[in-house]
Protein backbone atom coordinates (compact mmCIF):
# COMPACT_ATOMS: atom_id res chain seq x y z
CA UNK A 1 120.82 243.64 87.10
CA UNK A 2 121.99 241.81 83.96
CA UNK A 3 118.95 239.55 84.09
CA UNK A 4 116.70 242.62 83.87
CA UNK A 5 118.22 243.86 80.63
CA UNK A 6 118.51 240.42 79.07
CA UNK A 7 114.87 239.79 79.95
CA UNK A 8 113.99 243.19 78.53
CA UNK A 9 115.78 242.52 75.22
CA UNK A 10 114.23 239.06 74.99
CA UNK A 11 110.68 240.26 75.54
CA UNK A 12 111.13 243.28 73.27
CA UNK A 13 112.17 241.01 70.41
CA UNK A 14 109.17 238.81 71.14
CA UNK A 15 106.81 241.80 71.27
CA UNK A 16 108.02 243.19 67.94
CA UNK A 17 107.54 239.76 66.39
CA UNK A 18 104.10 239.38 68.02
CA UNK A 19 105.16 236.31 69.99
CA UNK A 20 105.30 237.71 73.51
CA UNK A 21 102.55 235.46 74.91
CA UNK A 22 104.39 232.36 73.72
CA UNK A 23 107.68 233.57 75.16
CA UNK A 24 106.18 234.40 78.54
CA UNK A 25 105.05 230.79 78.90
CA UNK A 26 108.62 229.59 78.38
CA UNK A 27 110.18 231.76 81.07
CA UNK A 28 111.04 229.72 84.14
CA UNK A 29 114.08 231.44 85.64
CA UNK A 30 113.59 235.14 86.16
CA UNK A 31 113.11 237.71 88.88
CA UNK A 32 109.33 238.25 89.24
CA UNK A 33 109.98 241.88 90.21
CA UNK A 34 111.92 242.51 86.98
CA UNK A 35 109.18 240.92 84.90
CA UNK A 36 106.46 242.92 86.58
CA UNK A 37 108.43 246.16 86.04
CA UNK A 38 108.52 245.41 82.32
CA UNK A 39 104.95 244.20 81.89
CA UNK A 40 103.29 246.73 84.19
CA UNK A 41 105.53 249.82 84.19
CA UNK A 42 102.76 252.17 85.34
CA UNK A 43 102.63 250.26 88.61
CA UNK A 44 106.27 251.14 89.37
CA UNK A 45 108.27 254.33 90.01
CA UNK A 46 109.97 256.34 87.28
CA UNK A 47 113.33 255.08 88.59
CA UNK A 48 113.43 251.43 89.67
CA UNK A 49 116.05 249.57 91.71
CA UNK A 50 117.20 246.31 90.11
CA UNK A 51 118.96 244.70 93.07
CA UNK A 52 120.44 245.16 96.54
CA UNK A 53 122.97 247.91 97.20
CA UNK A 54 126.36 246.45 98.08
CA UNK A 55 128.62 249.51 97.82
CA UNK A 56 131.07 250.60 100.50
CA UNK A 57 130.07 253.23 103.05
CA UNK A 58 131.86 256.07 101.26
CA UNK A 59 129.91 255.41 98.07
CA UNK A 60 126.65 255.03 100.00
CA UNK A 61 127.16 258.47 101.50
CA UNK A 62 127.57 259.89 97.97
CA UNK A 63 124.38 258.13 96.91
CA UNK A 64 122.52 259.56 99.89
CA UNK A 65 123.29 263.11 98.73
CA UNK A 66 123.16 262.65 94.96
CA UNK A 67 119.62 263.92 94.35
CA UNK A 68 118.95 267.64 93.99
CA UNK A 69 115.29 267.04 94.84
CA UNK A 70 115.66 264.89 97.97
CA UNK A 71 114.19 261.84 96.25
CA UNK A 72 116.87 259.29 97.25
CA UNK A 73 116.52 257.58 100.62
CA UNK A 74 117.24 254.27 102.37
CA UNK A 75 114.69 251.57 102.99
CA UNK A 76 114.57 249.33 106.07
CA UNK A 77 117.13 246.97 104.51
CA UNK A 78 119.68 249.69 103.91
CA UNK A 79 119.07 249.81 100.14
CA UNK A 80 118.68 253.10 98.37
CA UNK A 81 115.29 253.75 96.81
CA UNK A 82 113.92 256.67 94.83
CA UNK A 83 110.74 258.24 96.19
CA UNK A 84 108.35 258.54 93.28
CA UNK A 85 106.47 261.52 94.69
CA UNK A 86 109.74 263.48 95.00
CA UNK A 87 111.45 262.23 91.83
CA UNK A 88 111.37 264.48 88.75
CA UNK A 89 113.25 261.97 86.57
CA UNK A 90 116.47 263.95 86.21
CA UNK A 91 118.43 260.66 85.85
CA UNK A 92 121.34 261.87 87.99
CA UNK A 93 121.02 258.89 90.32
CA UNK A 94 120.99 256.46 87.37
CA UNK A 95 124.07 258.03 85.81
CA UNK A 96 126.00 258.01 89.10
CA UNK A 97 125.16 254.49 90.31
CA UNK A 98 128.53 252.75 89.96
CA UNK A 99 126.87 249.31 90.17
CA UNK A 100 124.39 250.22 87.38
CA UNK A 101 121.70 249.14 89.78
CA UNK A 102 119.10 251.75 88.81
CA UNK A 103 117.04 252.03 85.65
CA UNK A 104 114.38 254.30 84.26
CA UNK A 105 110.95 252.77 83.77
CA UNK A 106 110.55 250.91 80.47
CA UNK A 107 107.20 251.42 78.69
CA UNK A 108 107.92 249.53 75.49
CA UNK A 109 106.13 246.25 76.18
CA UNK A 110 102.71 247.73 76.95
CA UNK A 111 103.13 250.04 73.95
CA UNK A 112 103.60 247.04 71.70
CA UNK A 113 100.69 245.29 73.36
CA UNK A 114 98.60 248.31 72.31
CA UNK A 115 99.97 248.26 68.78
CA UNK A 116 99.51 244.50 68.35
CA UNK A 117 96.36 243.71 70.30
CA UNK A 118 94.20 246.83 70.43
CA UNK A 119 91.82 248.38 67.95
CA UNK A 120 92.48 251.85 69.40
CA UNK A 121 94.35 254.55 67.53
CA UNK A 122 97.87 255.03 68.92
CA UNK A 123 99.71 258.28 68.18
CA UNK A 124 103.46 258.86 68.48
CA UNK A 125 104.14 262.38 69.79
CA UNK A 126 107.69 263.36 68.89
CA UNK A 127 109.56 266.00 70.93
CA UNK A 128 110.98 269.11 69.19
CA UNK A 129 114.51 267.80 69.87
CA UNK A 130 114.07 264.98 67.33
CA UNK A 131 115.81 266.74 64.41
CA UNK A 132 118.39 264.33 62.90
CA UNK A 133 118.53 262.22 66.10
CA UNK A 134 117.93 259.09 64.03
CA UNK A 135 120.38 260.11 61.25
CA UNK A 136 120.86 263.30 59.28
CA UNK A 137 118.94 261.72 56.39
CA UNK A 138 115.83 260.94 58.46
CA UNK A 139 113.39 263.74 57.69
CA UNK A 140 110.18 264.30 59.70
CA UNK A 141 108.21 262.72 56.87
CA UNK A 142 110.38 259.60 56.77
CA UNK A 143 110.20 259.30 60.56
CA UNK A 144 106.40 259.46 60.39
CA UNK A 145 106.48 256.58 57.88
CA UNK A 146 108.72 254.59 60.24
CA UNK A 147 106.26 254.91 63.12
CA UNK A 148 103.45 253.79 60.84
CA UNK A 149 105.56 250.75 59.92
CA UNK A 150 105.64 249.90 63.64
CA UNK A 151 101.84 250.12 63.79
CA UNK A 152 101.24 253.65 65.06
CA UNK A 153 98.26 255.47 63.60
CA UNK A 154 100.42 258.51 63.01
CA UNK A 155 103.15 260.79 64.32
CA UNK A 156 102.48 264.27 65.66
CA UNK A 157 105.22 266.88 66.11
CA UNK A 158 104.90 268.34 69.61
CA UNK A 159 106.41 271.54 68.18
CA UNK A 160 102.93 272.36 66.84
CA UNK A 161 101.69 272.48 70.44
CA UNK A 162 104.76 274.41 71.56
CA UNK A 163 103.39 276.98 69.10
CA UNK A 164 100.12 277.11 71.04
CA UNK A 165 101.91 277.40 74.39
CA UNK A 166 104.05 280.19 72.91
CA UNK A 167 100.87 282.13 72.18
CA UNK A 168 99.54 281.48 75.66
CA UNK A 169 102.72 282.49 77.47
CA UNK A 170 103.15 285.61 75.36
CA UNK A 171 99.64 286.65 76.39
CA UNK A 172 100.40 285.75 80.03
CA UNK A 173 103.51 287.95 79.92
CA UNK A 174 101.58 290.86 78.43
CA UNK A 175 98.92 290.49 81.13
CA UNK A 176 101.30 290.13 84.10
CA UNK A 177 104.21 292.50 83.38
CA UNK A 178 102.98 296.00 84.15
CA UNK A 179 105.95 297.51 86.02
CA UNK A 180 109.73 297.27 85.88
CA UNK A 181 109.73 295.09 89.02
CA UNK A 182 107.39 292.41 87.65
CA UNK A 183 108.76 289.11 86.31
CA UNK A 184 107.59 285.72 85.08
CA UNK A 185 109.19 282.26 85.20
CA UNK A 186 108.67 280.11 82.14
CA UNK A 187 106.42 277.24 83.13
CA UNK A 188 105.64 275.16 80.09
CA UNK A 189 108.73 273.31 78.99
CA UNK A 190 111.22 271.55 81.30
CA UNK A 191 109.86 269.27 84.07
CA UNK A 192 113.10 269.54 86.04
CA UNK A 193 112.85 273.34 86.15
CA UNK A 194 109.20 273.11 87.16
CA UNK A 195 109.97 270.40 89.71
CA UNK A 196 112.70 272.50 91.31
CA UNK A 197 110.32 275.44 91.69
CA UNK A 198 107.44 273.33 93.02
CA UNK A 199 109.48 271.20 95.41
CA UNK A 200 112.28 273.54 96.55
CA UNK A 201 111.35 277.13 95.66
CA UNK A 202 107.57 276.92 95.98
CA UNK A 203 107.24 280.51 97.20
CA UNK A 204 107.99 281.51 93.57
CA UNK A 205 104.98 279.63 92.17
CA UNK A 206 102.83 282.82 91.92
CA UNK A 207 105.29 284.04 89.26
CA UNK A 208 104.61 281.01 87.03
CA UNK A 209 101.77 281.03 84.49
CA UNK A 210 99.86 277.77 85.01
CA UNK A 211 100.61 276.40 81.54
CA UNK A 212 100.96 272.70 80.76
CA UNK A 213 103.98 271.51 78.79
CA UNK A 214 103.77 271.08 75.00
CA UNK A 215 103.76 267.30 75.61
CA UNK A 216 100.64 267.54 77.76
CA UNK A 217 98.99 270.01 75.39
CA UNK A 218 99.59 267.60 72.53
CA UNK A 219 98.23 264.57 74.41
CA UNK A 220 95.13 266.38 75.62
CA UNK A 221 94.42 267.78 72.17
CA UNK A 222 94.68 264.38 70.52
CA UNK A 223 92.31 262.91 73.09
CA UNK A 224 89.81 265.74 72.63
CA UNK A 225 89.78 265.25 68.86
CA UNK A 226 89.96 261.42 69.07
CA UNK A 227 88.50 260.42 72.49
CA UNK A 228 89.49 256.73 72.31
CA UNK A 229 93.07 257.36 71.16
CA UNK A 230 96.20 256.40 73.08
CA UNK A 231 99.23 258.68 73.19
CA UNK A 232 102.95 257.86 73.37
CA UNK A 233 105.46 260.68 73.88
CA UNK A 234 108.95 260.17 72.46
CA UNK A 235 111.88 262.35 73.48
CA UNK A 236 115.36 262.60 75.02
CA UNK A 237 114.17 262.86 78.59
CA UNK A 238 113.48 260.50 81.51
CA UNK A 239 111.88 263.43 83.36
CA UNK A 240 108.96 263.25 80.93
CA UNK A 241 108.20 259.78 82.30
CA UNK A 242 107.81 261.34 85.74
CA UNK A 243 105.84 264.30 84.40
CA UNK A 244 103.33 262.07 82.61
CA UNK A 245 102.32 260.56 85.98
CA UNK A 246 101.65 263.82 87.83
CA UNK A 247 98.07 263.69 89.08
CA UNK A 248 96.72 266.90 87.56
CA UNK A 249 98.02 266.10 84.06
CA UNK A 250 98.04 262.28 84.01
CA UNK A 251 95.10 262.32 81.58
CA UNK A 252 97.26 263.41 78.64
CA UNK A 253 99.97 260.81 78.00
CA UNK A 254 99.66 257.04 78.28
CA UNK A 255 103.31 256.06 77.79
CA UNK A 256 106.72 257.71 77.35
CA UNK A 257 109.61 256.33 75.30
CA UNK A 258 113.07 257.79 74.77
CA UNK A 259 114.96 258.40 71.55
CA UNK A 260 117.36 255.60 72.49
CA UNK A 261 114.51 253.14 73.07
CA UNK A 262 112.96 253.98 69.71
CA UNK A 263 116.32 253.65 67.97
CA UNK A 264 116.65 250.16 69.44
CA UNK A 265 113.14 249.31 68.20
CA UNK A 266 114.01 250.38 64.66
CA UNK A 267 117.12 248.19 64.73
CA UNK A 268 115.34 245.12 66.07
CA UNK A 269 112.40 245.54 63.69
CA UNK A 270 114.83 246.14 60.79
CA UNK A 271 113.20 249.47 59.97
CA UNK A 272 115.47 251.99 58.28
CA UNK A 273 113.64 255.32 58.35
CA UNK A 274 116.06 256.94 55.89
CA UNK A 275 114.85 254.51 53.18
CA UNK A 276 111.13 255.13 53.66
CA UNK A 277 108.80 257.47 51.77
CA UNK A 278 108.05 261.02 52.84
CA UNK A 279 104.83 261.52 54.81
CA UNK A 280 104.64 265.23 55.58
CA UNK A 281 101.76 266.47 57.75
CA UNK A 282 102.80 268.92 60.48
CA UNK A 283 103.17 272.65 60.00
CA UNK A 284 104.81 274.08 63.12
CA UNK A 285 106.46 277.49 63.06
CA UNK A 286 110.06 278.31 63.90
CA UNK A 287 108.90 279.29 67.40
CA UNK A 288 107.74 275.79 68.34
CA UNK A 289 110.68 274.03 66.70
CA UNK A 290 113.38 275.86 68.68
CA UNK A 291 111.92 274.94 72.08
CA UNK A 292 114.40 272.05 72.07
CA UNK A 293 117.45 274.16 72.92
CA UNK A 294 118.33 276.60 75.68
CA UNK A 295 117.02 280.07 74.89
CA UNK A 296 114.47 278.75 72.42
CA UNK A 297 111.46 279.41 74.62
CA UNK A 298 112.59 282.98 75.34
CA UNK A 299 113.24 283.67 71.67
CA UNK A 300 109.90 282.18 70.61
CA UNK A 301 107.92 284.24 73.11
CA UNK A 302 109.94 287.39 72.39
CA UNK A 303 109.18 287.19 68.66
CA UNK A 304 105.53 286.30 69.23
CA UNK A 305 105.05 289.12 71.74
CA UNK A 306 106.62 291.60 69.29
CA UNK A 307 104.09 290.44 66.70
CA UNK A 308 101.09 290.57 69.05
CA UNK A 309 101.99 293.70 71.04
CA UNK A 310 104.46 295.79 69.01
CA UNK A 311 103.84 298.93 71.09
CA UNK A 312 104.48 297.52 74.58
CA UNK A 313 106.17 300.06 76.84
CA UNK A 314 107.93 297.39 78.94
CA UNK A 315 109.91 295.06 76.67
CA UNK A 316 110.65 291.42 77.39
CA UNK A 317 114.11 291.01 78.91
CA UNK A 318 115.09 287.36 79.25
CA UNK A 319 117.70 285.37 81.14
CA UNK A 320 118.37 281.64 80.80
CA UNK A 321 119.69 279.01 83.19
CA UNK A 322 121.45 276.05 81.62
CA UNK A 323 121.50 272.85 83.70
CA UNK A 324 120.29 272.14 87.27
CA UNK A 325 123.14 274.01 89.08
CA UNK A 326 122.51 277.16 87.04
CA UNK A 327 118.75 276.81 87.55
CA UNK A 328 119.32 276.75 91.31
CA UNK A 329 121.67 279.72 91.06
CA UNK A 330 119.11 281.73 89.08
CA UNK A 331 116.29 280.92 91.49
CA UNK A 332 118.49 282.00 94.43
CA UNK A 333 119.24 285.28 92.63
CA UNK A 334 115.50 285.85 92.24
CA UNK A 335 114.89 285.30 95.94
CA UNK A 336 117.76 287.65 96.79
CA UNK A 337 116.36 290.38 94.50
CA UNK A 338 119.41 290.36 92.24
CA UNK A 339 117.68 290.02 88.87
CA UNK A 340 116.95 292.81 86.41
CA UNK A 341 115.28 290.63 83.75
CA UNK A 342 111.53 289.97 83.60
CA UNK A 343 111.35 286.63 81.75
CA UNK A 344 113.35 283.78 83.26
CA UNK A 345 113.86 280.45 81.48
CA UNK A 346 115.30 277.31 83.06
CA UNK A 347 116.47 274.12 81.36
CA UNK A 348 117.45 271.18 83.57
CA UNK A 349 119.86 269.76 80.99
CA UNK A 350 122.86 271.67 79.66
CA UNK A 351 121.93 272.79 76.17
CA UNK A 352 118.23 272.20 76.78
CA UNK A 353 116.36 269.13 75.58
CA UNK A 354 119.06 268.46 72.95
CA UNK A 355 121.32 267.71 75.95
CA UNK A 356 118.92 265.25 77.58
CA UNK A 357 120.12 261.93 79.06
CA UNK A 358 118.65 259.84 76.23
CA UNK A 359 119.89 261.75 73.19
CA UNK A 360 121.53 259.86 70.35
CA UNK A 361 123.72 262.63 68.91
CA UNK A 362 125.96 265.21 70.61
CA UNK A 363 124.10 268.19 72.10
CA UNK A 364 125.99 270.71 69.94
CA UNK A 365 125.04 268.77 66.83
CA UNK A 366 121.50 268.58 68.11
CA UNK A 367 121.41 272.35 68.62
CA UNK A 368 122.62 272.97 65.07
CA UNK A 369 120.01 270.63 63.60
CA UNK A 370 117.22 272.18 65.69
CA UNK A 371 118.24 275.67 64.56
CA UNK A 372 118.36 274.50 60.94
CA UNK A 373 114.91 272.93 61.20
CA UNK A 374 113.63 276.14 62.76
CA UNK A 375 115.00 278.23 59.88
CA UNK A 376 113.30 275.90 57.40
CA UNK A 377 109.88 276.67 58.86
CA UNK A 378 107.56 278.56 56.53
CA UNK A 379 106.26 280.67 59.43
CA UNK A 380 108.31 282.52 62.02
CA UNK A 381 105.70 282.68 64.80
CA UNK A 382 102.46 280.85 65.59
CA UNK A 383 100.53 284.09 65.04
CA UNK A 384 101.08 283.99 61.28
CA UNK A 385 100.75 280.20 61.08
CA UNK A 386 97.29 279.36 59.64
CA UNK A 387 97.61 275.72 60.72
CA UNK A 388 97.88 276.77 64.37
CA UNK A 389 94.82 278.97 64.01
CA UNK A 390 92.88 276.13 62.36
CA UNK A 391 93.87 273.72 65.14
CA UNK A 392 92.81 276.17 67.84
CA UNK A 393 89.37 276.48 66.25
CA UNK A 394 88.99 272.69 66.17
CA UNK A 395 89.81 272.66 69.87
CA UNK A 396 87.16 275.29 70.63
CA UNK A 397 89.22 278.53 70.70
CA UNK A 398 87.73 281.21 68.46
CA UNK A 399 90.48 283.76 69.10
CA UNK A 400 94.06 283.80 70.37
CA UNK A 401 92.94 285.76 73.43
CA UNK A 402 90.49 282.99 74.35
CA UNK A 403 93.51 280.94 75.47
CA UNK A 404 93.35 282.97 78.69
CA UNK A 405 89.59 282.72 79.13
CA UNK A 406 88.22 279.77 81.13
CA UNK A 407 90.88 277.52 79.67
CA UNK A 408 90.99 273.98 81.08
CA UNK A 409 92.94 272.20 78.38
CA UNK A 410 96.22 274.11 78.58
CA UNK A 411 96.43 274.89 82.30
CA UNK A 412 97.55 272.88 85.32
CA UNK A 413 97.53 273.14 89.09
CA UNK A 414 101.01 274.34 90.01
CA UNK A 415 100.55 273.58 93.70
CA UNK A 416 100.11 269.81 93.22
């Protein structure tokens, strides 16, 4: 296990300094499996095993039952492995492995290969939870400058595409909710919530609008506007690494990094974002910015629906589930007919994305900073945001309502 992380640190330093080819030639004592996991991460599962399991039987029984999605099993040698087709990247198995024998997939080396050795444009797509993760003094504009220092073509705030998905889901709600017994499950944000519905509660799928996540919407939009571009999502979540590989949406995102990985890059490359110039470009509304915390999606869609359909006879009544146990509890209540709300939001991490496994600051701090960034937005909803309207036109949508008409870019197949 230690050799994996020491190898990782060694090669990351070499990649940042553009000497990785020279360093690879010097390596003589290493685990070929570890090296291949680092150099070719897309050929390996979201969660990789770094060595043999040598725990006692009591601990092995705990490991057997640790996964809420049935993704942990034993191989023929008695070692625990994570089944990639069942794994949603919740990270629970990684956090509970007492031998630290599991790791999430590391995408950094191929990202730096792109930055150093490719003539393609490479865009950093930053999750809405980024506010003050890299220091209170790191503004969005300074962070954009930092990514450009690393060699990225630019940084795009995924909140701008959360704005678009807010419009789409508000329209979906208006279309679907016609009686007091109708309800919708949010479908566009948390891959753990979606994974739980698809893998465990799949009879509820008809109540989910087939929207992609803001990450996927961002990646697809970049690639439509710049067909040769490469996209790298950056956020607090290992589950996004699993989501990016799902077959029906794998066209959108090439690599996924976490906030912690990017923080390490800045330290190794001696980049201090707080000291860089401002490079302001994005113009997301409050709606898209607050997706990062529990209740944000519901609030965004509520406000947008009020703007679009002020005279609706059936109002939006929301309920949120915070963390995987509460998500399961809410889904059971739905099946048992115990709900009275018509818009149900689930977040796999307590607090929402600001409570993800790869955050840098405390989730309560993260929530405060996300709320502050939301209040600083010039526009309250995507409906009154001219930049959203301009982007939609560039993508081929002449009206807001056209998001529901023959839309291929922002929908997915929920049964896959």
